[in-house]
Amino acid sequence: MNDRSGLAPDSSALAETTLASDAADRFEVAAPSKALEDALSPKAAANSRLAFEQAIADLSAKFVNLPPDQVDREIASGLEILTHALGTDRTNLGQIDAKTGDLVVTHTWTRPGVPAFAPRVMKGVLPWLEKRLMRGEISFAQRPSDLPPEAAVERAYMESIGEKSSLILPFRVGGKILGGFATDSFRTHTLWDEETIARVQTAADVFANALARKRADEQLRDLLTEIRELKDRLERENVYLRQEMQLEYSNSKMVGNSAAVREVLQKAEQVARTDSAVLILGETGTGKELLARIIHEMSKRKDRAMVKVNCAALPSTLMESELFGREKGAYTGALAREIGRFELADNSTIFLDEIGELPLELQSKLLRVLQEGEFERLGSSRTLHTDVRVIAATNRSLQTMVTEGKFREDLFYRLNVFPITMPPLRERREDIPPLVWHILKDLGDRMGKNIQGIHAPTMSKFQSYGWPGNVRELRNIIERNLILNHGEIFHAQLETMQTKGATKNQRGVEEVERDYFCQVLESTRWKIRGAGGAAEVTGLKPTTLEARLKKLGIERPA
């Protein structure tokens, strides 16, 4: 039998003692035992008891206000003191593993030449003893033969290692049994009595209280560490929100009602319900980041902030630490540990803008995150796990880059699960008027300007222009001209716009003008004169507007 326990049970074979009639509940004397005291002179017996009580008192005094980091060392020292005081040879303190049920020896002291106790007693190895221990019953034996028939396994164990006597007490913390406290004799048979067991119980309680304080201190430190980590994470997220989450447009919805926009939003709604990777394609300035935010806000991850990384804005030397984090000392200048964007985006969405700019050496690491959800911080070998939904965007052709060997083919297929193409502004010209009004409202509120109308030629030019920079260029031109604008009617210096952006299929000025006037008239319910009328909105005199409408053949529907 393996050396699994130094603990031994009580027995019905203790008839030679005079302390109890029920052998299962008897206590036999430990050194200084009652039998030994009877053999000594009264003075010697008194000195022996006094010495033992003094040892217990000294032991208790050691643990008063003892710092938690010194508890384990003092328990080991206390076990040695207790073993000498009892006259036994080995004393152990074992605690039950909450996960496996095994008894793990956490503290021990053994005389030289005495078999050491096994570091772990697996659950079920000493079944009789285990049941008594979990019931909170004390177990002891003067010799192996004292054990009852049902403790055959425990008796065989004692005989196999030459153990002569054993005493076991349940080890409690906060009233809960967490293990056992045992002391064993290998040189002589020890007779245990109730008084001696009570002394041993006192010592065990001293150790239990010290361990309880240590455990409470460790739990408190763990909680404080967790609170600090959560606080640091919240602070990092707040800093990130302030630095990175400034929307390019003031609202979270895409402005426009063209067929192209409706198709994009329909696809976004379909994929938002899943955790699938999304690849947003389109020219610069078309609103790819805005679409990514719309998808995130419709997903089950919307309660946490979306994290953005612009792969084109970071040097390749810092890209890895930015994405995956770094440990202190990972490279020169790394003075503190920093978590990466993937760790920050755990249980949220990460938006990788300009993914085509990601260096080849990092593409394999990104692929691993997409496939396994695993990565390592720079300078660390510890594998971290993250649950991140990836949305990538690019204005480049990744398929061409794959052919040229500049982008991993397997990564492309991982990202291209659900591609969405953002249409350029020139392909949704009907969205230009509402976009212009929306941008004017947003910028006007910021600048303190109250714009009530748009100069008709300005809107005509806006709708006929090709907008190579798309919505971003439209916003920049409006902002530039709004700074110079006076009054409540918005005028733009049209000569500042790059005419090379115009396309061959641009509509004629009259057609654009006709559409604009029709939209204005519909919004004013065909009211031309007075406050809120079409003349006020367009900035034209009523007579001038009426003449223009007549020239263009615009009449109010019946």
Protein backbone atom coordinates (compact mmCIF):
# COMPACT_ATOMS: atom_id res chain seq x y z
CA MET A 1 0.00 0.00 0.00
CA ASN A 2 1.30 3.45 -0.89
CA ASP A 3 2.33 5.81 1.88
CA ARG A 4 -0.87 7.87 1.56
CA SER A 5 -1.60 8.92 5.15
CA GLY A 6 -0.04 9.18 8.56
CA LEU A 7 -3.55 9.24 10.03
CA ALA A 8 -5.03 6.27 11.92
CA PRO A 9 -8.49 5.51 13.37
CA ASP A 10 -9.81 4.72 16.81
CA SER A 11 -10.56 1.06 17.60
CA SER A 12 -12.60 -1.36 19.65
CA ALA A 13 -9.35 -3.12 20.61
CA LEU A 14 -8.41 -0.58 23.27
CA ALA A 15 -9.86 -2.65 26.10
CA GLU A 16 -6.69 -2.33 28.14
CA THR A 17 -7.35 1.34 28.71
CA THR A 18 -9.57 2.54 31.51
CA LEU A 19 -10.98 5.67 29.91
CA ALA A 20 -14.16 4.52 28.08
CA SER A 21 -16.27 1.45 27.47
CA ASP A 22 -16.98 2.23 23.82
CA ALA A 23 -13.75 1.51 21.93
CA ALA A 24 -14.78 3.55 18.88
CA ASP A 25 -14.95 6.70 20.97
CA ARG A 26 -12.01 6.13 23.38
CA PHE A 27 -9.04 8.44 23.72
CA GLU A 28 -5.66 7.06 24.71
CA VAL A 29 -2.91 9.05 26.35
CA ALA A 30 -0.16 10.74 24.37
CA ALA A 31 3.16 11.83 25.84
CA PRO A 32 3.10 13.13 28.46
CA SER A 33 0.33 10.51 28.83
CA LYS A 34 -1.80 9.76 31.85
CA ALA A 35 -0.04 6.38 32.23
CA LEU A 36 3.35 8.08 32.13
CA GLU A 37 2.26 10.69 34.64
CA ASP A 38 1.02 7.95 36.98
CA ALA A 39 4.46 6.32 36.81
CA LEU A 40 6.18 9.59 37.64
CA SER A 41 6.34 11.30 40.97
CA PRO A 42 3.65 13.97 41.46
CA LYS A 43 6.25 16.70 41.04
CA ALA A 44 7.68 15.18 37.87
CA ALA A 45 4.21 14.66 36.45
CA ALA A 46 3.30 18.26 37.18
CA ASN A 47 6.52 19.49 35.54
CA SER A 48 5.78 17.33 32.48
CA ARG A 49 2.28 18.78 32.11
CA LEU A 50 3.60 22.28 32.69
CA ALA A 51 6.27 21.83 30.01
CA PHE A 52 3.69 20.64 27.52
CA GLU A 53 1.31 23.49 28.32
CA GLN A 54 4.19 25.94 28.02
CA ALA A 55 5.05 24.53 24.58
CA ILE A 56 1.44 25.02 23.44
CA ALA A 57 1.40 28.56 24.89
CA ASP A 58 4.66 29.46 23.15
CA LEU A 59 3.28 27.99 19.94
CA SER A 60 0.12 30.08 20.19
CA ALA A 61 2.09 33.24 20.94
CA LYS A 62 4.08 32.85 17.72
CA PHE A 63 0.97 33.29 15.60
CA VAL A 64 -0.37 36.42 17.27
CA ASN A 65 -0.31 39.21 14.66
CA LEU A 66 1.92 37.05 12.45
CA PRO A 67 2.29 38.48 8.90
CA PRO A 68 0.59 36.20 6.33
CA ASP A 69 3.82 35.60 4.41
CA GLN A 70 5.41 34.03 7.53
CA VAL A 71 2.55 31.65 8.40
CA ASP A 72 3.80 28.62 6.44
CA ARG A 73 7.30 28.88 7.89
CA GLU A 74 6.03 29.15 11.47
CA ILE A 75 3.61 26.24 11.02
CA ALA A 76 6.51 24.03 9.92
CA SER A 77 8.45 25.14 12.99
CA GLY A 78 5.39 24.60 15.19
CA LEU A 79 4.96 21.04 13.94
CA GLU A 80 8.50 20.27 15.09
CA ILE A 81 7.83 21.76 18.54
CA LEU A 82 4.58 19.81 18.85
CA THR A 83 6.20 16.53 17.75
CA HIS A 84 8.91 16.85 20.40
CA ALA A 85 6.37 17.82 23.06
CA LEU A 86 4.22 14.76 22.24
CA GLY A 87 7.15 12.40 21.92
CA THR A 88 5.95 11.27 18.47
CA ASP A 89 8.00 11.01 15.28
CA ARG A 90 6.02 12.62 12.46
CA THR A 91 3.34 15.33 12.34
CA ASN A 92 1.45 16.40 9.20
CA LEU A 93 -1.18 18.90 8.19
CA GLY A 94 -3.14 17.96 5.07
CA GLN A 95 -5.81 19.95 3.21
CA ILE A 96 -8.45 18.56 0.85
CA ASP A 97 -8.17 19.56 -2.80
CA ALA A 98 -11.59 21.05 -3.61
CA LYS A 99 -11.38 19.90 -7.25
CA THR A 100 -10.21 16.28 -6.87
CA GLY A 101 -11.04 15.43 -3.26
CA ASP A 102 -7.42 14.31 -2.68
CA LEU A 103 -5.70 15.09 0.62
CA VAL A 104 -2.67 17.28 -0.07
CA VAL A 105 0.01 17.56 2.63
CA THR A 106 0.79 21.25 2.89
CA HIS A 107 2.92 21.20 6.09
CA THR A 108 4.97 18.41 7.66
CA TRP A 109 7.82 17.64 10.06
CA THR A 110 9.50 14.21 10.37
CA ARG A 111 12.32 12.93 12.58
CA PRO A 112 15.42 11.65 10.74
CA GLY A 113 15.08 8.02 9.69
CA VAL A 114 11.26 8.06 9.78
CA PRO A 115 9.37 7.47 6.49
CA ALA A 116 8.18 10.72 4.98
CA PHE A 117 4.48 11.22 4.37
CA ALA A 118 3.21 11.07 0.79
CA PRO A 119 2.62 14.57 -0.63
CA ARG A 120 -0.86 13.60 -1.89
CA VAL A 121 -3.36 10.97 -0.72
CA MET A 122 -5.76 10.27 -3.54
CA LYS A 123 -9.46 10.17 -2.76
CA GLY A 124 -10.60 6.64 -1.87
CA VAL A 125 -7.16 5.22 -1.04
CA LEU A 126 -7.92 5.12 2.72
CA PRO A 127 -11.72 4.84 2.61
CA TRP A 128 -12.48 4.10 6.28
CA LEU A 129 -10.30 6.89 7.53
CA GLU A 130 -11.58 9.28 4.88
CA LYS A 131 -15.22 8.76 5.93
CA ARG A 132 -14.43 9.38 9.61
CA LEU A 133 -12.44 12.48 8.77
CA MET A 134 -15.23 14.00 6.68
CA ARG A 135 -17.73 13.24 9.49
CA GLY A 136 -15.52 15.23 11.85
CA GLU A 137 -14.59 12.20 13.97
CA ILE A 138 -11.25 11.79 15.74
CA SER A 139 -9.35 8.57 14.86
CA PHE A 140 -6.50 7.02 16.85
CA ALA A 141 -4.77 3.70 17.55
CA GLN A 142 -2.11 2.53 19.99
CA ARG A 143 -1.14 -0.25 17.57
CA PRO A 144 -2.32 -1.38 14.10
CA SER A 145 -4.18 -4.34 15.57
CA ASP A 146 -6.48 -1.93 17.40
CA LEU A 147 -8.14 -1.00 14.12
CA PRO A 148 -11.57 -2.54 13.41
CA PRO A 149 -12.08 -5.10 10.59
CA GLU A 150 -13.52 -2.45 8.25
CA ALA A 151 -10.18 -0.58 8.47
CA ALA A 152 -8.19 -3.43 6.93
CA VAL A 153 -6.63 -1.12 4.32
CA GLU A 154 -5.48 1.35 6.94
CA ARG A 155 -4.10 -1.46 9.19
CA ALA A 156 -2.11 -2.94 6.30
CA TYR A 157 -0.72 0.50 5.55
CA MET A 158 0.49 1.04 9.15
CA GLU A 159 2.13 -2.37 9.26
CA SER A 160 3.82 -1.89 5.88
CA ILE A 161 5.70 1.24 6.99
CA GLY A 162 6.30 0.21 10.61
CA GLU A 163 3.93 2.78 12.10
CA LYS A 164 3.15 1.83 15.75
CA SER A 165 0.63 4.50 16.85
CA SER A 166 -1.36 7.28 15.21
CA LEU A 167 -3.68 10.16 16.08
CA ILE A 168 -5.82 12.04 13.55
CA LEU A 169 -8.01 15.10 14.11
CA PRO A 170 -10.22 16.83 11.57
CA PHE A 171 -8.73 20.12 10.45
CA ARG A 172 -11.31 22.91 10.44
CA VAL A 173 -11.30 26.49 9.19
CA GLY A 174 -14.37 28.58 9.91
CA GLY A 175 -16.24 25.49 11.09
CA LYS A 176 -15.71 23.70 7.78
CA ILE A 177 -13.59 20.55 7.55
CA LEU A 178 -10.77 21.27 5.14
CA GLY A 179 -8.44 18.37 5.91
CA GLY A 180 -6.72 16.49 8.73
CA PHE A 181 -4.05 16.96 11.38
CA ALA A 182 -2.03 13.82 12.25
CA THR A 183 0.85 12.79 14.48
CA ASP A 184 2.43 9.30 14.38
CA SER A 185 4.86 7.18 16.43
CA PHE A 186 7.36 4.76 14.89
CA ARG A 187 9.56 3.96 17.94
CA THR A 188 7.05 3.20 20.70
CA HIS A 189 3.35 2.57 21.13
CA THR A 190 1.65 5.73 22.34
CA LEU A 191 -1.39 5.59 24.54
CA TRP A 192 -3.75 8.53 23.83
CA ASP A 193 -6.08 10.08 26.40
CA GLU A 194 -8.72 12.77 26.20
CA GLU A 195 -6.54 15.41 27.86
CA THR A 196 -3.66 14.86 25.42
CA ILE A 197 -5.98 14.90 22.43
CA ALA A 198 -7.47 18.16 23.68
CA ARG A 199 -3.96 19.65 23.80
CA VAL A 200 -3.25 18.48 20.27
CA GLN A 201 -6.60 19.92 19.17
CA THR A 202 -5.59 23.26 20.66
CA ALA A 203 -2.40 23.26 18.62
CA ALA A 204 -4.30 22.27 15.49
CA ASP A 205 -6.75 25.13 16.06
CA VAL A 206 -3.83 27.55 16.33
CA PHE A 207 -2.57 26.39 12.94
CA ALA A 208 -6.10 26.50 11.48
CA ASN A 209 -6.68 30.07 12.61
CA ALA A 210 -3.34 31.16 11.19
CA LEU A 211 -4.11 29.51 7.85
CA ALA A 212 -7.60 31.05 7.87
CA ARG A 213 -6.08 34.52 8.28
CA LYS A 214 -3.54 33.76 5.57
CA ARG A 215 -6.27 32.53 3.23
CA ALA A 216 -8.42 35.58 3.92
CA ASP A 217 -5.43 37.84 3.28
CA GLU A 218 -4.69 36.05 -0.02
CA GLN A 219 -8.33 36.35 -1.10
CA LEU A 220 -8.29 40.03 -0.22
CA ARG A 221 -5.09 40.57 -2.19
CA ASP A 222 -6.55 38.66 -5.14
CA LEU A 223 -9.67 40.81 -5.01
CA LEU A 224 -7.60 43.98 -4.81
CA THR A 225 -5.49 42.81 -7.72
CA GLU A 226 -8.62 42.05 -9.73
CA ILE A 227 -10.08 45.45 -8.84
CA ARG A 228 -6.84 47.17 -9.88
CA GLU A 229 -6.82 45.25 -13.17
CA LEU A 230 -10.46 46.13 -13.83
CA LYS A 231 -9.76 49.75 -12.93
CA ASP A 232 -6.74 49.83 -15.22
CA ARG A 233 -8.78 48.23 -18.00
CA LEU A 234 -11.58 50.76 -17.59
CA GLU A 235 -9.07 53.60 -17.59
CA ARG A 236 -7.45 52.24 -20.75
CA GLU A 237 -10.85 51.86 -22.38
CA ASN A 238 -11.80 55.40 -21.40
CA VAL A 239 -8.54 56.76 -22.82
CA TYR A 240 -9.11 54.71 -25.95
CA LEU A 241 -12.66 55.98 -26.25
CA ARG A 242 -11.46 59.56 -25.99
CA GLN A 243 -8.66 59.05 -28.49
CA GLU A 244 -10.04 56.60 -31.02
CA MET A 245 -13.82 56.58 -30.91
CA GLN A 246 -14.59 60.01 -32.28
CA LEU A 247 -17.18 59.36 -34.99
CA GLU A 248 -16.45 60.97 -38.28
CA TYR A 249 -20.12 61.85 -38.51
CA SER A 250 -22.30 62.92 -35.63
CA ASN A 251 -24.90 60.16 -35.92
CA SER A 252 -24.48 56.39 -35.98
CA LYS A 253 -26.58 55.81 -39.09
CA MET A 254 -25.64 56.12 -42.71
CA VAL A 255 -27.25 59.10 -44.40
CA GLY A 256 -29.01 58.36 -47.65
CA ASN A 257 -31.90 56.40 -49.10
CA SER A 258 -30.52 55.27 -52.43
CA ALA A 259 -30.81 51.66 -53.54
CA ALA A 260 -27.06 51.22 -53.02
CA VAL A 261 -27.22 52.41 -49.40
CA ARG A 262 -30.29 50.28 -48.65
CA GLU A 263 -28.49 47.21 -50.00
CA VAL A 264 -25.43 47.88 -47.83
CA LEU A 265 -27.53 48.35 -44.70
CA GLN A 266 -29.49 45.19 -45.42
CA LYS A 267 -26.27 43.18 -45.63
CA ALA A 268 -25.00 44.81 -42.44
CA GLU A 269 -28.15 43.81 -40.59
CA GLN A 270 -27.87 40.22 -41.82
CA VAL A 271 -24.25 39.73 -40.76
CA ALA A 272 -24.51 41.69 -37.49
CA ARG A 273 -26.43 38.82 -35.84
CA THR A 274 -23.45 36.50 -36.31
CA ASP A 275 -19.81 36.50 -35.19
CA SER A 276 -18.54 36.02 -38.75
CA ALA A 277 -15.62 38.07 -40.03
CA VAL A 278 -16.60 40.96 -42.32
CA LEU A 279 -14.46 42.51 -45.05
CA ILE A 280 -15.56 46.02 -46.07
CA LEU A 281 -14.30 47.10 -49.48
CA GLY A 282 -14.49 50.51 -51.07
CA GLU A 283 -12.70 53.67 -52.07
CA THR A 284 -11.25 56.00 -49.47
CA GLY A 285 -13.76 58.25 -47.77
CA THR A 286 -16.84 56.12 -48.50
CA GLY A 287 -17.62 55.47 -44.82
CA LYS A 288 -16.16 52.02 -44.20
CA GLU A 289 -15.52 52.75 -40.52
CA LEU A 290 -19.06 54.08 -40.14
CA LEU A 291 -20.42 50.82 -41.57
CA ALA A 292 -18.24 48.82 -39.17
CA ARG A 293 -19.71 50.75 -36.25
CA ILE A 294 -23.24 50.14 -37.52
CA ILE A 295 -22.55 46.38 -37.66
CA HIS A 296 -21.09 46.46 -34.14
CA GLU A 297 -24.02 48.44 -32.74
CA MET A 298 -26.48 45.89 -34.15
CA SER A 299 -24.52 42.89 -32.80
CA LYS A 300 -24.71 41.10 -29.45
CA ARG A 301 -21.33 42.68 -28.59
CA LYS A 302 -22.70 46.24 -28.64
CA ASP A 303 -22.43 46.65 -24.85
CA ARG A 304 -18.64 46.94 -25.14
CA ALA A 305 -16.74 49.53 -27.12
CA MET A 306 -15.55 48.68 -30.61
CA VAL A 307 -11.75 48.89 -30.85
CA LYS A 308 -10.19 50.44 -33.95
CA VAL A 309 -6.73 49.91 -35.40
CA ASN A 310 -5.50 51.78 -38.46
CA CYS A 311 -2.89 49.44 -39.93
CA ALA A 312 -1.58 52.16 -42.22
CA ALA A 313 -0.96 54.66 -39.42
CA LEU A 314 1.47 52.56 -37.37
CA PRO A 315 5.09 51.73 -38.23
CA SER A 316 5.70 48.02 -38.73
CA THR A 317 8.11 47.97 -35.75
CA LEU A 318 5.30 48.92 -33.36
CA MET A 319 2.45 47.07 -35.05
CA GLU A 320 2.90 43.79 -33.16
CA SER A 321 2.94 45.38 -29.69
CA GLU A 322 -0.02 47.57 -30.65
CA LEU A 323 -2.10 44.59 -31.73
CA PHE A 324 -1.00 41.93 -29.25
CA GLY A 325 0.56 43.87 -26.35
CA ARG A 326 4.01 43.66 -24.80
CA GLU A 327 5.69 42.71 -21.55
CA LYS A 328 7.94 45.03 -19.58
CA GLY A 329 11.44 44.92 -21.08
CA ALA A 330 10.27 43.30 -24.33
CA TYR A 331 12.42 45.83 -26.16
CA THR A 332 14.35 49.00 -25.43
CA GLY A 333 11.96 51.61 -24.11
CA ALA A 334 9.30 49.11 -23.00
CA LEU A 335 9.21 50.36 -19.41
CA ALA A 336 5.87 48.82 -18.48
CA ARG A 337 3.56 46.04 -19.53
CA GLU A 338 0.92 47.09 -22.05
CA ILE A 339 -2.08 45.11 -23.25
CA GLY A 340 -2.76 45.06 -26.98
CA ARG A 341 -5.87 45.94 -28.94
CA PHE A 342 -6.95 42.29 -29.27
CA GLU A 343 -6.83 41.89 -25.49
CA LEU A 344 -8.71 45.17 -25.07
CA ALA A 345 -11.36 44.01 -27.56
CA ASP A 346 -12.12 40.75 -25.71
CA ASN A 347 -15.87 40.01 -26.02
CA SER A 348 -16.18 42.96 -28.39
CA THR A 349 -15.37 43.91 -32.00
CA ILE A 350 -12.04 44.98 -33.45
CA PHE A 351 -11.97 47.04 -36.64
CA LEU A 352 -8.78 46.64 -38.67
CA ASP A 353 -8.76 49.55 -41.09
CA GLU A 354 -6.47 49.37 -44.14
CA ILE A 355 -5.79 45.68 -43.49
CA GLY A 356 -3.80 45.54 -46.72
CA GLU A 357 -1.01 47.49 -44.99
CA LEU A 358 -0.46 44.76 -42.36
CA PRO A 359 3.12 43.40 -42.64
CA LEU A 360 3.48 39.82 -43.84
CA GLU A 361 5.24 38.72 -40.65
CA LEU A 362 2.17 39.69 -38.59
CA GLN A 363 -0.40 38.19 -40.92
CA SER A 364 0.30 34.67 -39.62
CA LYS A 365 -0.24 35.85 -36.04
CA LEU A 366 -3.51 37.50 -37.03
CA LEU A 367 -4.56 34.28 -38.77
CA ARG A 368 -3.97 32.36 -35.53
CA VAL A 369 -6.20 34.78 -33.62
CA LEU A 370 -8.94 34.32 -36.20
CA GLN A 371 -8.64 30.53 -36.15
CA GLU A 372 -7.85 29.72 -32.51
CA GLY A 373 -8.46 32.94 -30.57
CA GLU A 374 -4.89 32.67 -29.20
CA PHE A 375 -1.86 34.97 -29.16
CA GLU A 376 1.17 35.91 -27.06
CA ARG A 377 2.27 39.32 -25.91
CA LEU A 378 5.57 40.52 -27.31
CA GLY A 379 8.30 39.29 -24.97
CA SER A 380 6.14 36.57 -23.38
CA SER A 381 5.67 32.86 -24.03
CA ARG A 382 2.35 32.67 -22.15
CA THR A 383 -0.60 32.01 -24.45
CA LEU A 384 -3.57 34.35 -24.00
CA HIS A 385 -7.10 33.75 -25.23
CA THR A 386 -9.54 36.28 -26.62
CA ASP A 387 -13.06 36.25 -28.04
CA VAL A 388 -13.05 38.94 -30.72
CA ARG A 389 -15.22 39.62 -33.75
CA VAL A 390 -13.03 40.95 -36.58
CA ILE A 391 -14.17 43.52 -39.13
CA ALA A 392 -11.53 44.51 -41.66
CA ALA A 393 -11.55 47.20 -44.32
CA THR A 394 -9.38 48.11 -47.28
CA ASN A 395 -9.42 50.27 -50.39
CA ARG A 396 -6.97 47.93 -52.11
CA SER A 397 -7.56 44.71 -54.01
CA LEU A 398 -6.49 41.96 -51.63
CA GLN A 399 -6.84 39.36 -54.35
CA THR A 400 -4.26 41.23 -56.42
CA MET A 401 -2.00 41.43 -53.38
CA VAL A 402 -2.37 37.67 -52.88
CA THR A 403 -1.28 37.11 -56.48
CA GLU A 404 1.69 39.42 -55.93
CA GLY A 405 2.68 37.58 -52.74
CA LYS A 406 2.02 40.60 -50.52
CA PHE A 407 -0.94 39.11 -48.65
CA ARG A 408 -1.48 35.60 -47.30
CA GLU A 409 -4.06 33.68 -49.24
CA ASP A 410 -5.32 31.77 -46.16
CA LEU A 411 -5.76 35.05 -44.26
CA PHE A 412 -7.66 36.55 -47.19
CA TYR A 413 -10.15 33.68 -47.15
CA ARG A 414 -10.54 34.00 -43.37
CA LEU A 415 -11.34 37.70 -43.69
CA ASN A 416 -13.45 37.44 -46.83
CA VAL A 417 -16.24 35.44 -45.18
CA PHE A 418 -18.81 38.19 -45.75
CA PRO A 419 -17.61 40.99 -48.04
CA ILE A 420 -19.53 44.26 -48.29
CA THR A 421 -18.66 46.90 -50.89
CA MET A 422 -19.29 50.53 -50.04
CA PRO A 423 -20.49 52.40 -53.15
CA PRO A 424 -18.66 55.61 -54.08
CA LEU A 425 -20.55 58.87 -53.81
CA ARG A 426 -20.73 59.30 -57.58
CA GLU A 427 -22.84 56.12 -57.79
CA ARG A 428 -25.44 57.42 -55.34
CA ARG A 429 -25.87 61.05 -56.35
CA GLU A 430 -29.44 61.12 -55.03
CA ASP A 431 -27.91 60.89 -51.53
CA ILE A 432 -25.87 64.08 -51.98
CA PRO A 433 -28.60 66.61 -50.98
CA PRO A 434 -29.46 64.88 -47.66
CA LEU A 435 -25.74 64.37 -47.00
CA VAL A 436 -25.04 68.07 -47.59
CA TRP A 437 -27.85 69.09 -45.25
CA HIS A 438 -26.71 66.62 -42.61
CA ILE A 439 -23.09 67.83 -42.73
CA LEU A 440 -24.18 71.48 -42.69
CA LYS A 441 -26.32 70.83 -39.62
CA ASP A 442 -23.48 69.06 -37.84
CA LEU A 443 -20.79 71.63 -38.67
CA GLY A 444 -23.16 74.56 -38.22
CA ASP A 445 -23.94 73.46 -34.66
CA ARG A 446 -20.23 73.23 -33.91
CA MET A 447 -19.41 76.61 -35.45
CA GLY A 448 -22.49 78.38 -34.14
CA LYS A 449 -23.87 79.06 -37.61
CA ASN A 450 -27.56 78.74 -38.46
CA ILE A 451 -27.85 77.64 -42.10
CA GLN A 452 -31.42 77.81 -43.44
CA GLY A 453 -30.80 77.29 -47.14
CA ILE A 454 -28.33 76.30 -49.85
CA HIS A 455 -27.52 78.35 -52.89
CA ALA A 456 -29.01 76.50 -55.86
CA PRO A 457 -25.88 76.63 -58.07
CA THR A 458 -23.87 75.26 -55.14
CA MET A 459 -26.09 72.20 -54.84
CA SER A 460 -26.08 71.75 -58.62
CA LYS A 461 -22.31 71.76 -58.65
CA PHE A 462 -22.17 69.33 -55.74
CA GLN A 463 -24.39 66.87 -57.61
CA SER A 464 -22.49 67.15 -60.86
CA TYR A 465 -19.04 66.75 -59.32
CA GLY A 466 -17.30 63.35 -59.39
CA TRP A 467 -16.10 63.33 -55.73
CA PRO A 468 -12.94 61.22 -56.00
CA GLY A 469 -12.54 61.62 -52.21
CA ASN A 470 -16.19 60.66 -51.65
CA VAL A 471 -17.96 61.74 -48.43
CA ARG A 472 -14.71 62.78 -46.75
CA GLU A 473 -13.97 65.23 -49.58
CA LEU A 474 -17.57 66.48 -49.51
CA ARG A 475 -17.32 67.21 -45.81
CA ASN A 476 -13.97 68.97 -46.14
CA ILE A 477 -15.23 71.26 -48.90
CA ILE A 478 -18.39 72.10 -46.96
CA GLU A 479 -16.37 72.83 -43.81
CA ARG A 480 -13.91 75.04 -45.69
CA ASN A 481 -16.68 77.09 -47.30
CA LEU A 482 -18.81 77.22 -44.17
CA ILE A 483 -15.97 78.99 -42.37
CA LEU A 484 -16.07 81.74 -45.04
CA ASN A 485 -19.87 81.77 -45.34
CA HIS A 486 -21.98 84.74 -44.19
CA GLY A 487 -25.70 84.70 -43.59
CA GLU A 488 -28.18 81.87 -43.43
CA ILE A 489 -27.76 80.70 -47.04
CA PHE A 490 -24.81 78.44 -47.73
CA HIS A 491 -22.64 79.35 -50.72
CA ALA A 492 -19.56 77.44 -51.85
CA GLN A 493 -16.63 78.74 -53.84
CA LEU A 494 -17.11 76.29 -56.65
CA GLU A 495 -13.80 77.05 -58.31
CA THR A 496 -12.01 75.42 -55.38
CA MET A 497 -13.44 72.04 -56.34
CA GLN A 498 -11.31 69.82 -58.56
CA THR A 499 -13.16 69.51 -61.83
CA LYS A 500 -10.99 66.54 -62.77
CA GLY A 501 -13.10 64.48 -60.41
CA ALA A 502 -16.13 64.90 -62.64
CA THR A 503 -17.14 61.84 -64.59
CA LYS A 504 -18.23 61.58 -68.19
CA ASN A 505 -21.70 60.46 -67.27
CA GLN A 506 -22.48 63.59 -65.25
CA ARG A 507 -25.94 64.90 -65.81
CA GLY A 508 -26.56 68.30 -67.32
CA VAL A 509 -26.85 71.32 -65.08
CA GLU A 510 -30.51 71.81 -65.93
CA GLU A 511 -31.37 68.23 -64.99
CA VAL A 512 -29.53 68.54 -61.68
CA GLU A 513 -31.20 71.90 -61.05
CA ARG A 514 -34.62 70.46 -61.83
CA ASP A 515 -34.11 67.62 -59.35
CA TYR A 516 -32.94 70.00 -56.67
CA PHE A 517 -35.86 72.40 -57.03
CA CYS A 518 -38.31 69.49 -57.02
CA GLN A 519 -36.83 68.19 -53.78
CA VAL A 520 -36.99 71.61 -52.16
CA LEU A 521 -40.59 72.15 -53.29
CA GLU A 522 -41.65 68.76 -51.98
CA SER A 523 -40.02 69.53 -48.61
CA THR A 524 -41.91 72.85 -48.39
CA ARG A 525 -45.16 71.33 -49.70
CA TRP A 526 -44.80 73.53 -52.81
CA LYS A 527 -44.81 76.69 -50.77
CA ILE A 528 -42.68 79.29 -52.58
CA ARG A 529 -43.17 82.58 -50.74
CA GLY A 530 -43.01 83.43 -47.05
CA ALA A 531 -41.20 81.95 -44.09
CA GLY A 532 -40.04 78.40 -44.73
CA GLY A 533 -40.90 78.67 -48.42
CA ALA A 534 -38.77 77.38 -51.29
CA ALA A 535 -37.49 80.86 -52.12
CA GLU A 536 -36.14 81.25 -48.60
CA VAL A 537 -34.62 77.77 -48.63
CA THR A 538 -32.86 78.24 -51.96
CA GLY A 539 -31.82 81.84 -51.26
CA LEU A 540 -33.56 83.18 -54.38
CA LYS A 541 -36.12 85.91 -54.72
CA PRO A 542 -39.64 84.49 -55.17
CA THR A 543 -39.97 86.03 -58.61
CA THR A 544 -36.59 84.69 -59.68
CA LEU A 545 -37.46 81.21 -58.43
CA GLU A 546 -40.83 81.24 -60.18
CA ALA A 547 -39.16 82.25 -63.44
CA ARG A 548 -36.59 79.48 -63.04
CA LEU A 549 -39.28 76.91 -62.37
CA LYS A 550 -41.17 78.00 -65.44
CA LYS A 551 -38.05 77.79 -67.58
CA LEU A 552 -37.35 74.29 -66.33
CA GLY A 553 -40.95 73.23 -66.90
CA ILE A 554 -41.58 72.44 -63.24
CA GLU A 555 -45.25 72.54 -62.30
CA ARG A 556 -47.07 71.55 -59.15
CA PRO A 557 -48.73 68.17 -59.56
CA ALA A 558 -52.49 68.16 -59.59
